[in-house]
Structures are given as C-alpha cells and as structure tokens.
C-alpha atoms as a PDB file:
ATOM      1  CA  UNK A   1       3.428   2.181 -10.100  1.00  0.00           C
ATOM      2  CA  UNK A   2       4.083   5.183  -7.924  1.00  0.00           C
ATOM      3  CA  UNK A   3       5.777   4.507  -4.586  1.00  0.00           C
ATOM      4  CA  UNK A   4       6.260   6.790  -1.597  1.00  0.00           C
ATOM      5  CA  UNK A   5       9.820   7.258  -0.352  1.00  0.00           C
ATOM      6  CA  UNK A   6      10.417   8.894   3.031  1.00  0.00           C
ATOM      7  CA  UNK A   7      13.642  10.381   4.338  1.00  0.00           C
ATOM      8  CA  UNK A   8      14.707   8.901   7.669  1.00  0.00           C
ATOM      9  CA  UNK A   9      16.563  12.126   8.508  1.00  0.00           C
ATOM     10  CA  UNK A  10      14.082  14.947   7.733  1.00  0.00           C
ATOM     11  CA  UNK A  11      10.858  12.936   7.061  1.00  0.00           C
ATOM     12  CA  UNK A  12      10.446  14.475   3.580  1.00  0.00           C
ATOM     13  CA  UNK A  13       8.182  12.307   1.369  1.00  0.00           C
ATOM     14  CA  UNK A  14       8.742  11.950  -2.366  1.00  0.00           C
ATOM     15  CA  UNK A  15       6.815   9.919  -4.937  1.00  0.00           C
ATOM     16  CA  UNK A  16       8.943   7.878  -7.347  1.00  0.00           C
ATOM     17  CA  UNK A  17       7.557   6.014 -10.359  1.00  0.00           C
ATOM     18  CA  UNK A  18       8.933   2.479 -10.782  1.00  0.00           C
ATOM     19  CA  UNK A  19       7.990  -0.779 -12.454  1.00  0.00           C
ATOM     20  CA  UNK A  20       6.343  -3.230 -10.089  1.00  0.00           C
ATOM     21  CA  UNK A  21       9.185  -5.680 -10.824  1.00  0.00           C
ATOM     22  CA  UNK A  22      11.927  -3.159  -9.900  1.00  0.00           C
ATOM     23  CA  UNK A  23      13.730  -3.553  -6.590  1.00  0.00           C
ATOM     24  CA  UNK A  24      13.068  -0.700  -4.157  1.00  0.00           C
ATOM     25  CA  UNK A  25      15.711   2.008  -3.946  1.00  0.00           C
ATOM     26  CA  UNK A  26      17.645   1.854  -0.671  1.00  0.00           C
ATOM     27  CA  UNK A  27      19.231   4.923   0.940  1.00  0.00           C
ATOM     28  CA  UNK A  28      18.658   7.295  -1.973  1.00  0.00           C
ATOM     29  CA  UNK A  29      19.693  10.938  -1.638  1.00  0.00           C
ATOM     30  CA  UNK A  30      16.898  13.103  -0.240  1.00  0.00           C
ATOM     31  CA  UNK A  31      16.123  16.116  -2.445  1.00  0.00           C
ATOM     32  CA  UNK A  32      15.338  18.240   0.628  1.00  0.00           C
ATOM     33  CA  UNK A  33      18.203  17.613   3.087  1.00  0.00           C
ATOM     34  CA  UNK A  34      20.711  15.878   0.789  1.00  0.00           C
ATOM     35  CA  UNK A  35      21.308  12.909   3.127  1.00  0.00           C
ATOM     36  CA  UNK A  36      21.362   9.346   1.790  1.00  0.00           C
ATOM     37  CA  UNK A  37      18.314   8.342   3.837  1.00  0.00           C
ATOM     38  CA  UNK A  38      15.361   8.105   1.417  1.00  0.00           C
ATOM     39  CA  UNK A  39      13.663   4.680   1.638  1.00  0.00           C
ATOM     40  CA  UNK A  40      10.409   3.227   0.308  1.00  0.00           C
ATOM     41  CA  UNK A  41       7.507   3.203   2.747  1.00  0.00           C
ATOM     42  CA  UNK A  42       4.249   1.321   2.911  1.00  0.00           C
ATOM     43  CA  UNK A  43       1.445   3.573   1.764  1.00  0.00           C
ATOM     44  CA  UNK A  44      -2.322   3.358   1.476  1.00  0.00           C
ATOM     45  CA  UNK A  45      -3.867   1.611  -1.475  1.00  0.00           C
ATOM     46  CA  UNK A  46      -7.006   2.339  -3.448  1.00  0.00           C
ATOM     47  CA  UNK A  47      -7.695  -1.385  -3.955  1.00  0.00           C
ATOM     48  CA  UNK A  48     -11.418  -2.080  -3.562  1.00  0.00           C
ATOM     49  CA  UNK A  49     -13.188  -5.423  -3.898  1.00  0.00           C
ATOM     50  CA  UNK A  50     -16.453  -5.024  -5.783  1.00  0.00           C
ATOM     51  CA  UNK A  51     -19.269  -7.448  -6.376  1.00  0.00           C
ATOM     52  CA  UNK A  52     -20.938 -10.094  -4.278  1.00  0.00           C
ATOM     53  CA  UNK A  53     -19.117 -12.799  -2.393  1.00  0.00           C
ATOM     54  CA  UNK A  54     -16.589 -10.674  -0.529  1.00  0.00           C
ATOM     55  CA  UNK A  55     -16.276 -10.020   3.197  1.00  0.00           C
ATOM     56  CA  UNK A  56     -18.322  -6.825   2.933  1.00  0.00           C
ATOM     57  CA  UNK A  57     -21.241  -8.878   1.591  1.00  0.00           C
ATOM     58  CA  UNK A  58     -20.996 -11.648   4.153  1.00  0.00           C
ATOM     59  CA  UNK A  59     -18.546 -14.015   2.469  1.00  0.00           C
ATOM     60  CA  UNK A  60     -16.897 -14.853   5.771  1.00  0.00           C
ATOM     61  CA  UNK A  61     -20.134 -15.285   7.732  1.00  0.00           C
ATOM     62  CA  UNK A  62     -21.719 -18.652   8.353  1.00  0.00           C
ATOM     63  CA  UNK A  63     -24.406 -19.716   5.866  1.00  0.00           C
ATOM     64  CA  UNK A  64     -27.901 -18.811   6.948  1.00  0.00           C
ATOM     65  CA  UNK A  65     -29.954 -21.831   7.961  1.00  0.00           C
ATOM     66  CA  UNK A  66     -33.474 -22.208   6.602  1.00  0.00           C
ATOM     67  CA  UNK A  67     -36.264 -22.697   9.106  1.00  0.00           C
ATOM     68  CA  UNK A  68     -38.083 -25.998   8.249  1.00  0.00           C
ATOM     69  CA  UNK A  69     -41.249 -25.644  10.296  1.00  0.00           C
END
C-alpha cells in the first residue's frame, strides 16, 4: 500500500510504500525542511462498489410495494 505522509511544519507531502500491517511512521524526518514532523494522513481512496445491491442501486431504500388492484 502507498500512504501519504504530510509534514506538519512545511506541509510537504510524500508517498511512502508500507505493508498494510505495518504501524504508521510517527514524526519522520521531512525530506524538504528536515524537521521531524512527517506524519501519515488520511487520503482519498479508489474503492468502488460494483454490482447490484449497493446503496447506489437502491440497497438502502425501502422495498417497492406492488399495487394489488
């Protein structure tokens, strides 16, 4: 997995590859300003649910009632 790390001092962002089971690095040295302030941030994901039965397709909506006339 590739994680984004952002410097709290200069706001420089660096991508670091880690195993998903690895603990995040805390206060790593920033390659731009040299301060020990690089920390992992929450970044966007490309996770997409495909197929029927998900929220996009009405999974969370109430079932449609049939009209028995």
